[in-house]
Protein backbone atom coordinates (compact mmCIF):
# COMPACT_ATOMS: atom_id res chain seq x y z
CA UNK A 1 -9.50 -51.81 3.81
CA UNK A 2 -9.25 -48.17 4.77
CA UNK A 3 -5.74 -46.88 4.07
CA UNK A 4 -3.85 -43.62 4.84
CA UNK A 5 -0.46 -42.53 3.69
CA UNK A 6 1.77 -39.84 5.17
CA UNK A 7 5.39 -38.85 5.45
CA UNK A 8 6.71 -39.44 9.01
CA UNK A 9 7.14 -36.38 11.18
CA UNK A 10 8.90 -35.39 14.40
CA UNK A 11 6.49 -35.32 17.30
CA UNK A 12 3.55 -34.71 14.93
CA UNK A 13 0.41 -32.73 15.57
CA UNK A 14 -2.97 -34.35 16.54
CA UNK A 15 -4.34 -34.59 13.02
CA UNK A 16 -1.47 -36.86 12.06
CA UNK A 17 -2.59 -39.42 14.62
CA UNK A 18 -6.31 -38.92 14.02
CA UNK A 19 -5.86 -40.01 10.40
CA UNK A 20 -3.98 -43.11 11.51
CA UNK A 21 -6.62 -43.93 14.04
CA UNK A 22 -9.32 -43.82 11.39
CA UNK A 23 -7.37 -46.28 9.17
CA UNK A 24 -7.17 -50.04 8.93
CA UNK A 25 -3.57 -49.69 7.66
CA UNK A 26 -1.22 -46.75 7.57
CA UNK A 27 1.64 -46.46 5.05
CA UNK A 28 4.64 -44.53 6.30
CA UNK A 29 6.05 -42.73 3.26
CA UNK A 30 9.71 -43.12 3.99
CA UNK A 31 11.17 -43.65 0.45
CA UNK A 32 10.39 -40.20 -0.94
CA UNK A 33 12.79 -37.26 -1.21
CA UNK A 34 13.53 -35.47 2.05
CA UNK A 35 12.46 -31.81 1.97
CA UNK A 36 14.46 -29.64 4.41
CA UNK A 37 11.73 -27.17 5.21
CA UNK A 38 9.04 -29.81 5.78
CA UNK A 39 7.57 -30.93 9.09
CA UNK A 40 9.59 -34.19 8.95
CA UNK A 41 12.38 -33.00 11.31
CA UNK A 42 10.44 -30.44 13.37
CA UNK A 43 7.33 -29.48 15.30
CA UNK A 44 5.98 -27.00 17.78
CA UNK A 45 5.62 -27.08 21.57
CA UNK A 46 3.81 -24.69 23.88
CA UNK A 47 5.61 -21.96 25.79
CA UNK A 48 4.50 -19.04 28.04
CA UNK A 49 4.94 -16.73 25.03
CA UNK A 50 3.00 -18.93 22.65
CA UNK A 51 4.98 -21.64 20.97
CA UNK A 52 8.46 -22.55 19.75
CA UNK A 53 9.97 -24.98 17.25
CA UNK A 54 11.85 -28.13 18.19
CA UNK A 55 14.00 -29.03 15.18
CA UNK A 56 16.22 -31.99 14.72
CA UNK A 57 19.30 -30.80 12.75
CA UNK A 58 19.93 -33.02 9.73
CA UNK A 59 22.90 -33.64 7.48
CA UNK A 60 22.09 -32.30 4.00
CA UNK A 61 25.21 -30.40 2.98
CA UNK A 62 27.01 -32.22 0.23
CA UNK A 63 24.26 -34.86 0.09
CA UNK A 64 22.33 -35.75 -3.05
CA UNK A 65 19.21 -33.67 -3.61
CA UNK A 66 17.45 -37.02 -4.11
CA UNK A 67 18.20 -38.18 -0.55
CA UNK A 68 15.19 -39.95 0.95
CA UNK A 69 13.61 -39.65 4.37
CA UNK A 70 14.88 -43.13 5.36
CA UNK A 71 18.47 -42.17 4.51
CA UNK A 72 18.80 -38.71 6.13
CA UNK A 73 21.34 -38.47 8.88
CA UNK A 74 21.24 -36.46 12.06
CA UNK A 75 23.76 -33.69 12.83
CA UNK A 76 24.79 -34.58 16.40
CA UNK A 77 27.37 -31.77 16.62
CA UNK A 78 24.53 -29.43 17.55
CA UNK A 79 23.67 -31.09 20.91
CA UNK A 80 20.04 -30.92 19.86
CA UNK A 81 18.89 -33.70 22.19
CA UNK A 82 20.02 -31.84 25.32
CA UNK A 83 18.33 -28.69 24.05
CA UNK A 84 15.01 -30.49 23.26
CA UNK A 85 14.96 -32.21 26.67
CA UNK A 86 15.61 -28.90 28.52
CA UNK A 87 12.78 -27.28 26.44
CA UNK A 88 10.34 -30.04 27.47
CA UNK A 89 11.32 -29.73 31.13
CA UNK A 90 11.13 -25.96 31.13
CA UNK A 91 7.66 -25.84 29.49
CA UNK A 92 5.92 -29.01 30.64
CA UNK A 93 7.38 -29.82 34.08
CA UNK A 94 4.06 -28.53 35.64
CA UNK A 95 1.83 -30.31 33.20
CA UNK A 96 -0.48 -32.79 35.02
CA UNK A 97 0.82 -35.89 33.15
CA UNK A 98 4.41 -35.03 32.27
CA UNK A 99 5.89 -37.25 35.00
CA UNK A 100 4.74 -40.67 33.61
CA UNK A 101 6.35 -39.93 30.25
CA UNK A 102 9.46 -38.20 31.56
CA UNK A 103 11.77 -41.19 31.52
CA UNK A 104 10.93 -42.19 27.97
CA UNK A 105 11.73 -38.81 26.52
CA UNK A 106 14.80 -38.30 28.71
CA UNK A 107 16.19 -41.64 27.37
CA UNK A 108 15.29 -40.66 23.83
CA UNK A 109 17.15 -37.39 24.03
CA UNK A 110 20.21 -38.92 25.71
CA UNK A 111 20.57 -41.50 22.94
CA UNK A 112 22.75 -40.73 19.92
CA UNK A 113 20.69 -40.97 16.73
CA UNK A 114 22.73 -41.34 13.58
CA UNK A 115 19.69 -41.31 11.32
CA UNK A 116 16.37 -39.42 11.55
CA UNK A 117 13.96 -42.17 10.62
CA UNK A 118 14.63 -44.48 13.57
CA UNK A 119 14.09 -41.53 15.92
CA UNK A 120 10.74 -40.87 14.25
CA UNK A 121 9.77 -44.52 14.50
CA UNK A 122 10.62 -44.68 18.21
CA UNK A 123 8.80 -41.48 19.28
CA UNK A 124 5.79 -41.93 17.01
CA UNK A 125 5.36 -45.51 18.13
CA UNK A 126 5.41 -44.37 21.66
CA UNK A 127 2.71 -41.74 21.00
CA UNK A 128 0.52 -44.24 19.20
CA UNK A 129 0.68 -46.55 22.22
CA UNK A 130 -0.08 -43.63 24.52
CA UNK A 131 -3.12 -42.69 22.41
CA UNK A 132 -4.21 -46.36 22.23
CA UNK A 133 -3.89 -46.45 18.44
CA UNK A 134 -3.28 -49.97 17.22
CA UNK A 135 -3.40 -49.44 13.46
CA UNK A 136 -0.69 -51.54 11.76
CA UNK A 137 2.01 -49.59 9.85
CA UNK A 138 3.95 -50.51 6.77
CA UNK A 139 6.88 -48.59 5.23
CA UNK A 140 6.47 -47.54 1.64
CA UNK A 141 10.06 -48.61 0.94
CA UNK A 142 8.96 -52.20 1.72
CA UNK A 143 6.36 -52.06 -0.99
CA UNK A 144 8.92 -51.00 -3.66
CA UNK A 145 6.73 -48.52 -5.54
CA UNK A 146 7.80 -47.04 -8.86
CA UNK A 147 5.38 -44.17 -9.50
CA UNK A 148 5.39 -40.55 -8.28
CA UNK A 149 2.78 -38.07 -6.99
CA UNK A 150 -0.85 -39.08 -7.50
CA UNK A 151 0.20 -42.22 -9.36
CA UNK A 152 2.43 -43.17 -6.36
CA UNK A 153 -0.53 -42.91 -3.97
CA UNK A 154 -2.74 -45.01 -6.20
CA UNK A 155 0.05 -47.55 -6.68
CA UNK A 156 0.48 -47.95 -2.97
CA UNK A 157 -3.24 -48.27 -2.41
CA UNK A 158 -3.39 -51.05 -4.99
CA UNK A 159 -0.48 -52.91 -3.43
CA UNK A 160 -2.25 -53.13 -0.06
CA UNK A 161 -5.72 -53.79 -1.62
CA UNK A 162 -7.24 -50.57 -0.33
CA UNK A 163 -10.94 -49.96 -0.87
CA UNK A 164 -10.89 -46.54 0.72
CA UNK A 165 -8.08 -43.96 0.79
CA UNK A 166 -8.01 -41.23 3.44
CA UNK A 167 -6.24 -38.26 1.87
CA UNK A 168 -4.99 -35.12 3.52
CA UNK A 169 -6.87 -31.91 2.52
CA UNK A 170 -4.21 -30.98 -0.05
CA UNK A 171 -4.96 -34.11 -1.97
CA UNK A 172 -7.78 -32.14 -3.56
CA UNK A 173 -5.16 -30.22 -5.51
CA UNK A 174 -3.19 -33.16 -7.04
CA UNK A 175 -4.93 -36.50 -6.83
CA UNK A 176 -6.16 -37.94 -10.12
CA UNK A 177 -9.63 -38.77 -8.78
CA UNK A 178 -10.95 -40.43 -11.99
CA UNK A 179 -8.05 -42.90 -11.69
CA UNK A 180 -9.03 -43.88 -8.24
CA UNK A 181 -12.63 -44.21 -9.36
CA UNK A 182 -11.51 -46.49 -12.20
CA UNK A 183 -9.64 -48.63 -9.64
CA UNK A 184 -12.74 -48.73 -7.47
CA UNK A 185 -11.02 -47.00 -4.52
CA UNK A 186 -13.13 -44.40 -2.70
CA UNK A 187 -11.29 -41.25 -1.75
CA UNK A 188 -12.20 -39.29 1.40
CA UNK A 189 -10.49 -36.17 2.62
CA UNK A 190 -9.27 -35.72 6.16
CA UNK A 191 -10.26 -32.24 7.39
CA UNK A 192 -9.42 -32.46 11.05
CA UNK A 193 -11.18 -29.87 13.24
CA UNK A 194 -8.61 -29.20 15.94
CA UNK A 195 -10.06 -29.72 19.46
CA UNK A 196 -9.55 -27.04 22.09
CA UNK A 197 -8.35 -28.23 25.50
CA UNK A 198 -6.62 -26.93 28.64
CA UNK A 199 -2.95 -26.31 28.12
CA UNK A 200 -0.26 -25.75 30.74
CA UNK A 201 -0.22 -22.00 30.01
CA UNK A 202 -3.17 -19.57 29.67
CA UNK A 203 -4.84 -19.30 26.31
CA UNK A 204 -4.93 -21.95 23.64
CA UNK A 205 -2.50 -22.54 20.85
CA UNK A 206 -3.64 -25.08 18.22
CA UNK A 207 -1.37 -27.27 16.07
CA UNK A 208 1.14 -28.10 18.72
CA UNK A 209 2.96 -31.37 18.83
CA UNK A 210 0.71 -34.22 20.12
CA UNK A 211 2.97 -34.35 23.22
CA UNK A 212 1.22 -31.14 24.31
CA UNK A 213 -2.09 -33.05 24.68
CA UNK A 214 -0.39 -36.08 26.15
CA UNK A 215 1.37 -34.14 28.93
CA UNK A 216 -1.83 -32.30 29.85
CA UNK A 217 -4.42 -35.12 29.60
CA UNK A 218 -2.49 -38.37 29.94
CA UNK A 219 -4.76 -41.47 29.62
CA UNK A 220 -7.69 -39.18 28.69
CA UNK A 221 -5.85 -37.91 25.59
CA UNK A 222 -7.57 -40.27 23.11
CA UNK A 223 -10.98 -38.88 24.14
CA UNK A 224 -9.82 -35.37 23.29
CA UNK A 225 -8.24 -36.57 20.07
CA UNK A 226 -11.58 -38.14 19.02
CA UNK A 227 -13.74 -35.27 20.35
CA UNK A 228 -13.86 -33.21 17.18
CA UNK A 229 -16.81 -33.65 14.78
CA UNK A 230 -16.59 -35.92 11.78
CA UNK A 231 -13.39 -35.12 9.91
CA UNK A 232 -13.73 -37.29 6.76
CA UNK A 233 -15.29 -35.67 3.70
CA UNK A 234 -16.35 -37.98 0.87
CA UNK A 235 -15.09 -37.08 -2.55
CA UNK A 236 -17.88 -36.27 -5.03
CA UNK A 237 -18.13 -38.70 -7.88
CA UNK A 238 -16.01 -41.41 -6.31
């Protein structure tokens, strides 16, 4: 059982989906503390000038510092949905495959989202379908873990009977690799080489939201997503 674990993110980049595609099961880390400056509520889209942020405003003032991702509310006083929809129209209307996905995103941005996590579930689920990724998902909150940091990752892996764990590259800095070895769980690191492809504007900007690829390549997006060379690096000694 090859398992990956990641916090959900708003319209994530390609590496997020590549890691899921390489997994037999993906655990959505929804029970951990929300970090305001993380990629959970925001991501980048392409513009003629380069790129810009799309950020979902969240309700943090007066909230507990221990508020989790699954509990974070959305600040709908900012009319963010209308702004995001206008940004997509302004920058992707001429993209070759914007039209087939237009109605979905228009509906998403017209809906009132009281909490952030359901929005992430809806949009990321749509992108997984568009990229033909069928990896099953489970929320970490459903597994009721008790540990933190490296011990949390190991606990979650054990709960789903993982034999291989796909870690992000920063796992090299904090994972207790001997503990994984003792549990007979192989650790591999996901170093995703970003593919270069034609974007709607001249030049290439990497690390955009995955919608950038989708709007430009449509049904051929999965081929581009998979086109980079091998991205999994075995961990020495495990």
